Amino acid sequence: MEPSIHFPPTVLTSAGAAAGIALINTLGNASGFLAPYVTGWARDATGDIDTGLWIVGIVMVAAGVGAAVLRERPRAKGGESGATAPLAGSTA
């Protein structure tokens, strides 16, 4: 299963998971449509194709960092809803 489709059900309820998967698909489709236009616009503006590729690459890296920052932490053993345990190796 694709990681982006696996993530929403682990942190959302069934209706929320469906909406999360729909949002991921929508953003992926919009990115696939817009990236060539952004790349072409940047090439026309600067005369260099590398600029457009850098823009698209930076957006991809930012998305990866955002996904890493927003990952779910394991729940604490105590039955408290919403309580999270620190990740392995963290000091907090």
C-alpha atoms as a PDB file:
ATOM      1  CA  MET A   1       0.000   0.000   0.000  1.00  0.00           C
ATOM      2  CA  GLU A   2       1.271   3.436  -0.864  1.00  0.00           C
ATOM      3  CA  PRO A   3       2.561   5.292   2.241  1.00  0.00           C
ATOM      4  CA  SER A   4       0.458   8.389   1.575  1.00  0.00           C
ATOM      5  CA  ILE A   5      -2.704   6.268   1.485  1.00  0.00           C
ATOM      6  CA  HIS A   6      -1.688   4.309   4.599  1.00  0.00           C
ATOM      7  CA  PHE A   7      -1.170   7.411   6.776  1.00  0.00           C
ATOM      8  CA  PRO A   8      -4.696   8.953   7.115  1.00  0.00           C
ATOM      9  CA  PRO A   9      -6.432   5.871   8.591  1.00  0.00           C
ATOM     10  CA  THR A  10      -3.756   5.661  11.305  1.00  0.00           C
ATOM     11  CA  VAL A  11      -4.584   9.124  12.663  1.00  0.00           C
ATOM     12  CA  LEU A  12      -8.184   9.797  11.589  1.00  0.00           C
ATOM     13  CA  THR A  13     -11.587   8.170  12.004  1.00  0.00           C
ATOM     14  CA  SER A  14     -13.239   6.448   9.039  1.00  0.00           C
ATOM     15  CA  ALA A  15     -14.915   9.574   7.615  1.00  0.00           C
ATOM     16  CA  GLY A  16     -11.840  11.658   8.312  1.00  0.00           C
ATOM     17  CA  ALA A  17      -9.607   9.042   6.723  1.00  0.00           C
ATOM     18  CA  ALA A  18     -11.699   9.128   3.546  1.00  0.00           C
ATOM     19  CA  ALA A  19     -11.410  12.910   3.460  1.00  0.00           C
ATOM     20  CA  GLY A  20      -7.662  12.699   4.135  1.00  0.00           C
ATOM     21  CA  ILE A  21      -7.123  10.259   1.286  1.00  0.00           C
ATOM     22  CA  ALA A  22      -9.236  12.468  -1.001  1.00  0.00           C
ATOM     23  CA  LEU A  23      -7.153  15.503  -0.024  1.00  0.00           C
ATOM     24  CA  ILE A  24      -3.898  13.640  -0.719  1.00  0.00           C
ATOM     25  CA  ASN A  25      -5.181  12.556  -4.137  1.00  0.00           C
ATOM     26  CA  THR A  26      -6.396  16.071  -4.941  1.00  0.00           C
ATOM     27  CA  LEU A  27      -3.067  17.648  -4.019  1.00  0.00           C
ATOM     28  CA  GLY A  28      -1.182  15.014  -6.008  1.00  0.00           C
ATOM     29  CA  ASN A  29      -3.312  15.574  -9.102  1.00  0.00           C
ATOM     30  CA  ALA A  30      -3.072  19.361  -8.790  1.00  0.00           C
ATOM     31  CA  SER A  31       0.706  19.126  -8.393  1.00  0.00           C
ATOM     32  CA  GLY A  32       1.015  16.900 -11.438  1.00  0.00           C
ATOM     33  CA  PHE A  33      -0.992  19.432 -13.427  1.00  0.00           C
ATOM     34  CA  LEU A  34       0.696  22.598 -12.135  1.00  0.00           C
ATOM     35  CA  ALA A  35       4.361  21.531 -11.920  1.00  0.00           C
ATOM     36  CA  PRO A  36       4.987  21.690 -15.702  1.00  0.00           C
ATOM     37  CA  TYR A  37       3.404  25.153 -15.842  1.00  0.00           C
ATOM     38  CA  VAL A  38       5.531  26.405 -12.933  1.00  0.00           C
ATOM     39  CA  THR A  39       8.640  24.922 -14.521  1.00  0.00           C
ATOM     40  CA  GLY A  40       7.830  26.533 -17.879  1.00  0.00           C
ATOM     41  CA  TRP A  41       6.995  29.881 -16.277  1.00  0.00           C
ATOM     42  CA  ALA A  42      10.296  29.899 -14.375  1.00  0.00           C
ATOM     43  CA  ARG A  43      12.203  28.958 -17.532  1.00  0.00           C
ATOM     44  CA  ASP A  44      10.531  31.771 -19.477  1.00  0.00           C
ATOM     45  CA  ALA A  45      11.192  34.260 -16.662  1.00  0.00           C
ATOM     46  CA  THR A  46      14.854  33.340 -16.149  1.00  0.00           C
ATOM     47  CA  GLY A  47      15.888  31.709 -19.423  1.00  0.00           C
ATOM     48  CA  ASP A  48      17.185  28.684 -17.499  1.00  0.00           C
ATOM     49  CA  ILE A  49      15.358  25.369 -16.978  1.00  0.00           C
ATOM     50  CA  ASP A  50      17.268  24.727 -13.744  1.00  0.00           C
ATOM     51  CA  THR A  51      15.318  27.429 -11.902  1.00  0.00           C
ATOM     52  CA  GLY A  52      11.991  25.705 -12.516  1.00  0.00           C
ATOM     53  CA  LEU A  53      13.389  22.361 -11.474  1.00  0.00           C
ATOM     54  CA  TRP A  54      14.794  23.889  -8.282  1.00  0.00           C
ATOM     55  CA  ILE A  55      11.384  25.368  -7.455  1.00  0.00           C
ATOM     56  CA  VAL A  56       9.625  22.033  -7.928  1.00  0.00           C
ATOM     57  CA  GLY A  57      12.378  20.239  -5.969  1.00  0.00           C
ATOM     58  CA  ILE A  58      12.158  22.675  -3.062  1.00  0.00           C
ATOM     59  CA  VAL A  59       8.393  22.212  -2.873  1.00  0.00           C
ATOM     60  CA  MET A  60       8.868  18.421  -2.821  1.00  0.00           C
ATOM     61  CA  VAL A  61      11.459  18.642  -0.028  1.00  0.00           C
ATOM     62  CA  ALA A  62       9.175  20.964   1.955  1.00  0.00           C
ATOM     63  CA  ALA A  63       6.354  18.431   1.617  1.00  0.00           C
ATOM     64  CA  GLY A  64       8.642  15.659   2.868  1.00  0.00           C
ATOM     65  CA  VAL A  65       9.740  17.729   5.858  1.00  0.00           C
ATOM     66  CA  GLY A  66       6.103  18.560   6.612  1.00  0.00           C
ATOM     67  CA  ALA A  67       5.159  14.881   6.531  1.00  0.00           C
ATOM     68  CA  ALA A  68       8.043  13.995   8.846  1.00  0.00           C
ATOM     69  CA  VAL A  69       7.123  16.727  11.325  1.00  0.00           C
ATOM     70  CA  LEU A  70       3.433  15.821  11.352  1.00  0.00           C
ATOM     71  CA  ARG A  71       3.841  12.073  11.842  1.00  0.00           C
ATOM     72  CA  GLU A  72       1.836  10.411  14.600  1.00  0.00           C
ATOM     73  CA  ARG A  73       3.534   9.571  17.869  1.00  0.00           C
ATOM     74  CA  PRO A  74       2.667   6.263  19.538  1.00  0.00           C
ATOM     75  CA  ARG A  75      -0.053   6.493  22.179  1.00  0.00           C
ATOM     76  CA  ALA A  76       0.849   6.149  25.861  1.00  0.00           C
ATOM     77  CA  LYS A  77      -0.247   3.027  27.721  1.00  0.00           C
ATOM     78  CA  GLY A  78      -2.748   4.380  30.189  1.00  0.00           C
ATOM     79  CA  GLY A  79      -5.885   4.660  28.204  1.00  0.00           C
ATOM     80  CA  GLU A  80      -5.841   8.450  28.084  1.00  0.00           C
ATOM     81  CA  SER A  81      -7.255   9.518  24.769  1.00  0.00           C
ATOM     82  CA  GLY A  82      -5.047  12.075  23.121  1.00  0.00           C
ATOM     83  CA  ALA A  83      -2.035  11.325  25.343  1.00  0.00           C
ATOM     84  CA  THR A  84       1.096  10.527  23.394  1.00  0.00           C
ATOM     85  CA  ALA A  85       4.326   8.929  24.409  1.00  0.00           C
ATOM     86  CA  PRO A  86       7.667  10.474  23.469  1.00  0.00           C
ATOM     87  CA  LEU A  87       9.376   8.967  20.470  1.00  0.00           C
ATOM     88  CA  ALA A  88      12.272   6.596  21.039  1.00  0.00           C
ATOM     89  CA  GLY A  89      15.501   8.493  21.580  1.00  0.00           C
ATOM     90  CA  SER A  90      13.799  11.791  22.522  1.00  0.00           C
ATOM     91  CA  THR A  91      14.550  13.507  25.805  1.00  0.00           C
ATOM     92  CA  ALA A  92      11.063  14.915  26.397  1.00  0.00           C
END
